[in-house]
Amino acid sequence: MLRHPQFDPVALSLGPLKIHWYGLTYLVGFLVGWWLGRLRTRKPWSPITEIQMGDLLFYIALGVILGGRFGYVIFYNFEQFLADPLWLLRVWEGGMSFHGGLIGVMLAIWWFGRKVGRTFFQIADFVAPLVPVGLGAGRIGNFINGELWGKPTDVPWGMVFPQAPDALARHPSQLYQFALEGVLFFILLWWFSSKPRPRMAVSGCFLLLYGIFRFAVEFVRQPDPQLGYLAFNWLTMGQVLSFPMILAGIVMMMVAYRGAKNESLS
């Protein structure tokens, strides 16, 4: 049985200013995504220029932060928002949702595409392989904070989290998600997008893979206490939000490749 290292969530204190590790992981995700995006802009099929990558990063960061916060409030803790509306603005107290962030990024991509004269899927297919880097960095931030732990377990790598309501060994689900949503997701999506694909195929692959990984890890992740299980004593909000992503990803890839096949036959 392992014990969580209990990292200090504050990486650096400069007088009244406190820089948290969680914020730094977001910064790392954005910077590495920006660097990888610049590499992709050098491809002949890139829909944007290297200079435009900086502007796109700003739009995406805005979508992640605003969408992630609003998504958490709406999907996971709407009752607290109704009781205390100003809690929405206290982002330092925690609470970000991937699915909300995804919606925010989709709106940001649409907005940016209109600005530069590109279609939604031209930009979405370009951005999709960059996202797993940020997801993986965010999960490391969750682990440092000792939050979003897993269910009790007797596996040798089970970990005791001091912030948990008991002293039971639990799945370090943050590290599972780092491995799946960060490392493996990046490898598969970067490989898939390294060659020209039909429009919408990369975005569809993104939704499909993330939906599968998130749905699977929810079986060992402790559900949010204010929600618990939604049905069957195992269905979580994360699974409810991820299942439509799996379906949408399958449909989008089928449409993309069917359209490409029809074009080749015409």
Protein backbone atom coordinates (compact mmCIF):
# COMPACT_ATOMS: atom_id res chain seq x y z
CA MET A 1 0.00 0.00 0.00
CA LEU A 2 1.35 3.41 -0.98
CA ARG A 3 0.68 6.83 0.51
CA HIS A 4 0.12 9.99 -1.47
CA PRO A 5 3.24 12.21 -1.19
CA GLN A 6 1.11 15.17 -0.06
CA PHE A 7 2.74 17.74 -2.28
CA ASP A 8 2.42 21.37 -1.35
CA PRO A 9 -0.14 22.64 -3.90
CA VAL A 10 1.66 26.01 -3.95
CA ALA A 11 4.73 25.87 -6.17
CA LEU A 12 5.95 29.40 -5.47
CA SER A 13 4.96 32.21 -3.10
CA LEU A 14 5.82 35.80 -3.95
CA GLY A 15 4.39 37.79 -1.08
CA PRO A 16 0.60 37.69 -1.40
CA LEU A 17 0.91 36.03 -4.83
CA LYS A 18 0.75 32.24 -4.75
CA ILE A 19 1.49 30.20 -7.87
CA HIS A 20 -0.13 26.77 -7.69
CA TRP A 21 1.18 23.62 -9.35
CA TYR A 22 -2.25 23.07 -10.89
CA GLY A 23 -2.03 26.41 -12.70
CA LEU A 24 1.49 25.58 -13.84
CA THR A 25 0.33 22.27 -15.32
CA TYR A 26 -2.22 24.20 -17.39
CA LEU A 27 0.53 26.57 -18.50
CA VAL A 28 2.77 23.65 -19.51
CA GLY A 29 -0.11 22.09 -21.46
CA PHE A 30 -0.75 25.33 -23.37
CA LEU A 31 2.93 25.96 -24.11
CA VAL A 32 3.67 22.42 -25.33
CA GLY A 33 0.45 22.48 -27.37
CA TRP A 34 1.54 25.79 -28.90
CA TRP A 35 4.97 24.36 -29.77
CA LEU A 36 3.47 21.22 -31.34
CA GLY A 37 0.94 23.37 -33.17
CA ARG A 38 3.74 25.43 -34.70
CA LEU A 39 5.30 22.20 -35.96
CA ARG A 40 1.98 21.25 -37.57
CA THR A 41 1.67 24.64 -39.26
CA ARG A 42 4.73 23.76 -41.32
CA LYS A 43 2.86 20.92 -43.00
CA PRO A 44 1.64 21.78 -46.53
CA TRP A 45 -1.95 20.94 -45.55
CA SER A 46 -2.02 23.18 -42.46
CA PRO A 47 -5.12 25.44 -42.46
CA ILE A 48 -3.30 28.21 -40.54
CA THR A 49 0.09 29.89 -40.56
CA GLU A 50 2.74 29.72 -37.87
CA ILE A 51 1.93 33.30 -36.85
CA GLN A 52 -1.78 32.50 -36.51
CA MET A 53 -0.97 29.70 -34.05
CA GLY A 54 -0.48 32.26 -31.29
CA ASP A 55 -3.94 33.73 -31.89
CA LEU A 56 -5.48 30.25 -31.98
CA LEU A 57 -3.86 29.42 -28.64
CA PHE A 58 -5.50 32.49 -27.08
CA TYR A 59 -8.95 31.44 -28.32
CA ILE A 60 -8.44 27.87 -27.11
CA ALA A 61 -7.19 28.97 -23.67
CA LEU A 62 -10.27 31.15 -23.31
CA GLY A 63 -12.51 28.24 -24.31
CA VAL A 64 -10.81 25.82 -21.91
CA ILE A 65 -11.00 28.10 -18.87
CA LEU A 66 -14.49 29.52 -19.38
CA GLY A 67 -15.99 26.30 -20.74
CA GLY A 68 -14.30 24.14 -18.12
CA ARG A 69 -15.60 26.27 -15.26
CA PHE A 70 -19.14 26.69 -16.58
CA GLY A 71 -19.24 22.99 -17.44
CA TYR A 72 -18.30 21.96 -13.92
CA VAL A 73 -20.92 24.27 -12.44
CA ILE A 74 -23.68 23.06 -14.76
CA PHE A 75 -22.86 19.35 -14.95
CA TYR A 76 -21.48 18.63 -11.49
CA ASN A 77 -22.48 21.23 -8.89
CA PHE A 78 -25.35 23.40 -10.10
CA GLU A 79 -26.99 23.38 -6.67
CA GLN A 80 -23.99 25.08 -5.09
CA PHE A 81 -24.10 27.73 -7.81
CA LEU A 82 -27.78 28.39 -7.07
CA ALA A 83 -27.00 28.72 -3.36
CA ASP A 84 -23.94 30.89 -3.96
CA PRO A 85 -23.75 32.42 -7.48
CA LEU A 86 -20.42 34.14 -6.78
CA TRP A 87 -18.85 30.68 -6.32
CA LEU A 88 -18.75 30.57 -10.13
CA LEU A 89 -16.01 33.22 -10.06
CA ARG A 90 -13.92 31.61 -7.28
CA VAL A 91 -11.99 29.35 -9.64
CA TRP A 92 -9.14 29.02 -7.09
CA GLU A 93 -11.45 26.82 -5.02
CA GLY A 94 -11.31 24.18 -7.79
CA GLY A 95 -13.83 22.74 -10.17
CA MET A 96 -13.14 22.29 -13.90
CA SER A 97 -14.89 19.94 -16.32
CA PHE A 98 -13.30 18.42 -19.41
CA HIS A 99 -16.65 18.15 -21.17
CA GLY A 100 -17.41 21.80 -20.45
CA GLY A 101 -13.94 22.73 -21.65
CA LEU A 102 -14.55 20.74 -24.84
CA ILE A 103 -17.70 22.74 -25.55
CA GLY A 104 -15.78 25.94 -24.85
CA VAL A 105 -12.98 24.92 -27.23
CA MET A 106 -15.49 23.99 -29.94
CA LEU A 107 -17.01 27.47 -29.70
CA ALA A 108 -13.54 29.00 -29.74
CA ILE A 109 -12.61 27.00 -32.86
CA TRP A 110 -15.79 28.11 -34.62
CA TRP A 111 -15.11 31.74 -33.68
CA PHE A 112 -11.46 31.59 -34.76
CA GLY A 113 -12.38 29.82 -38.01
CA ARG A 114 -14.74 32.65 -38.92
CA LYS A 115 -11.96 35.17 -38.25
CA VAL A 116 -9.46 33.46 -40.55
CA GLY A 117 -11.86 32.16 -43.20
CA ARG A 118 -11.59 28.46 -42.36
CA THR A 119 -14.29 25.87 -41.70
CA PHE A 120 -14.90 24.43 -38.26
CA PHE A 121 -13.47 21.00 -39.09
CA GLN A 122 -10.40 22.43 -40.80
CA ILE A 123 -9.42 23.97 -37.46
CA ALA A 124 -10.79 21.15 -35.28
CA ASP A 125 -8.82 18.47 -37.16
CA PHE A 126 -5.71 20.61 -36.76
CA VAL A 127 -6.20 21.20 -33.02
CA ALA A 128 -7.35 17.72 -31.93
CA PRO A 129 -3.87 16.05 -31.73
CA LEU A 130 -2.63 18.89 -29.49
CA VAL A 131 -5.27 18.45 -26.79
CA PRO A 132 -3.99 15.24 -25.08
CA VAL A 133 -0.89 17.11 -23.93
CA GLY A 134 -3.04 19.50 -21.92
CA LEU A 135 -5.21 16.68 -20.61
CA GLY A 136 -2.20 14.75 -19.39
CA ALA A 137 -0.71 17.82 -17.71
CA GLY A 138 -4.02 18.53 -16.00
CA ARG A 139 -4.18 14.99 -14.58
CA ILE A 140 -0.72 15.44 -13.09
CA GLY A 141 -2.10 18.59 -11.47
CA ASN A 142 -4.99 16.55 -10.04
CA PHE A 143 -2.52 14.05 -8.60
CA ILE A 144 -0.35 16.77 -7.04
CA ASN A 145 -3.48 18.22 -5.41
CA GLY A 146 -4.49 14.76 -4.18
CA GLU A 147 -7.97 15.14 -5.70
CA LEU A 148 -10.23 13.03 -7.94
CA TRP A 149 -8.98 9.81 -6.37
CA GLY A 150 -10.29 6.37 -7.28
CA LYS A 151 -12.36 3.73 -5.54
CA PRO A 152 -11.00 1.58 -2.69
CA THR A 153 -8.84 -1.28 -3.94
CA ASP A 154 -6.49 -4.02 -2.81
CA VAL A 155 -4.10 -3.82 -5.79
CA PRO A 156 -0.40 -3.48 -4.77
CA TRP A 157 -0.24 0.09 -6.09
CA GLY A 158 -3.32 1.22 -4.17
CA MET A 159 -2.71 4.60 -2.58
CA VAL A 160 -4.00 6.29 0.57
CA PHE A 161 -5.08 9.88 -0.09
CA PRO A 162 -5.10 12.02 3.08
CA GLN A 163 -7.86 14.23 1.66
CA ALA A 164 -10.17 11.21 1.24
CA PRO A 165 -12.83 10.64 3.93
CA ASP A 166 -11.15 7.40 5.06
CA ALA A 167 -7.75 5.73 5.25
CA LEU A 168 -8.48 3.11 2.59
CA ALA A 169 -6.08 2.38 -0.26
CA ARG A 170 -7.57 3.65 -3.49
CA HIS A 171 -6.89 3.51 -7.21
CA PRO A 172 -4.63 6.43 -8.21
CA SER A 173 -7.11 7.16 -10.99
CA GLN A 174 -5.45 10.49 -11.82
CA LEU A 175 -2.38 8.55 -12.97
CA TYR A 176 -4.55 6.12 -14.94
CA GLN A 177 -6.09 9.09 -16.71
CA PHE A 178 -2.66 10.62 -17.29
CA ALA A 179 -1.54 7.38 -18.96
CA LEU A 180 -4.71 6.95 -21.03
CA GLU A 181 -5.95 10.49 -21.76
CA GLY A 182 -2.48 11.97 -21.90
CA VAL A 183 0.23 9.58 -23.10
CA LEU A 184 -1.62 6.86 -25.04
CA PHE A 185 -4.21 9.28 -26.41
CA PHE A 186 -1.46 11.58 -27.72
CA ILE A 187 0.50 8.75 -29.33
CA LEU A 188 -2.52 7.30 -31.14
CA LEU A 189 -3.98 10.62 -32.27
CA TRP A 190 -0.63 12.09 -33.32
CA TRP A 191 0.08 8.95 -35.37
CA PHE A 192 -3.39 8.97 -36.92
CA SER A 193 -3.13 12.65 -37.87
CA SER A 194 0.43 12.41 -39.19
CA LYS A 195 -0.92 11.51 -42.63
CA PRO A 196 -3.64 13.31 -44.60
CA ARG A 197 -7.07 12.07 -43.52
CA PRO A 198 -10.56 12.88 -44.80
CA ARG A 199 -12.01 16.06 -43.32
CA MET A 200 -13.65 15.36 -39.93
CA ALA A 201 -11.87 12.00 -39.44
CA VAL A 202 -9.29 13.30 -36.95
CA SER A 203 -11.98 15.09 -34.92
CA GLY A 204 -14.07 11.91 -34.96
CA CYS A 205 -11.09 9.85 -33.81
CA PHE A 206 -10.54 12.33 -30.99
CA LEU A 207 -14.11 11.99 -29.71
CA LEU A 208 -14.08 8.21 -30.04
CA LEU A 209 -10.78 7.62 -28.23
CA TYR A 210 -11.38 10.08 -25.43
CA GLY A 211 -14.90 8.79 -24.89
CA ILE A 212 -13.65 5.19 -24.60
CA PHE A 213 -10.76 6.07 -22.25
CA ARG A 214 -12.88 8.26 -19.98
CA PHE A 215 -15.81 5.82 -19.89
CA ALA A 216 -13.44 2.99 -18.92
CA VAL A 217 -11.55 4.81 -16.16
CA GLU A 218 -14.80 5.97 -14.55
CA PHE A 219 -15.29 2.37 -13.37
CA VAL A 220 -12.39 2.82 -10.92
CA ARG A 221 -12.75 6.54 -10.22
CA GLN A 222 -14.72 7.71 -7.19
CA PRO A 223 -17.76 9.69 -8.39
CA ASP A 224 -18.24 13.26 -7.20
CA PRO A 225 -19.80 13.09 -3.72
CA GLN A 226 -22.55 15.59 -4.51
CA LEU A 227 -23.71 13.39 -7.41
CA GLY A 228 -22.73 9.83 -6.59
CA TYR A 229 -23.86 7.18 -9.04
CA LEU A 230 -26.67 8.23 -11.36
CA ALA A 231 -27.99 4.69 -12.02
CA PHE A 232 -27.24 0.96 -11.65
CA ASN A 233 -24.81 1.67 -8.80
CA TRP A 234 -22.03 2.28 -11.34
CA LEU A 235 -23.11 4.89 -13.91
CA THR A 236 -21.39 8.23 -13.35
CA MET A 237 -21.86 11.69 -14.83
CA GLY A 238 -18.51 11.28 -16.60
CA GLN A 239 -19.85 8.19 -18.39
CA VAL A 240 -23.13 9.89 -19.27
CA LEU A 241 -21.20 12.75 -20.88
CA SER A 242 -18.66 10.44 -22.58
CA PHE A 243 -21.06 7.96 -24.20
CA PRO A 244 -22.41 10.52 -26.73
CA MET A 245 -18.80 11.32 -27.62
CA ILE A 246 -18.20 7.67 -28.53
CA LEU A 247 -21.30 7.57 -30.73
CA ALA A 248 -20.50 10.93 -32.34
CA GLY A 249 -16.92 9.84 -33.01
CA ILE A 250 -18.05 6.64 -34.76
CA VAL A 251 -20.60 8.52 -36.88
CA MET A 252 -18.14 11.27 -37.82
CA MET A 253 -15.47 8.80 -38.93
CA MET A 254 -18.00 6.82 -40.97
CA VAL A 255 -19.26 10.00 -42.66
CA ALA A 256 -15.71 11.22 -43.28
CA TYR A 257 -14.50 8.03 -44.94
CA ARG A 258 -17.75 7.45 -46.81
CA GLY A 259 -17.50 10.96 -48.22
CA ALA A 260 -13.89 10.38 -49.23
CA LYS A 261 -14.83 7.10 -50.92
CA ASN A 262 -17.66 8.73 -52.84
CA GLU A 263 -15.33 11.51 -54.00
CA SER A 264 -12.79 8.94 -55.26
CA LEU A 265 -15.52 7.14 -57.24
CA SER A 266 -16.96 10.28 -58.82
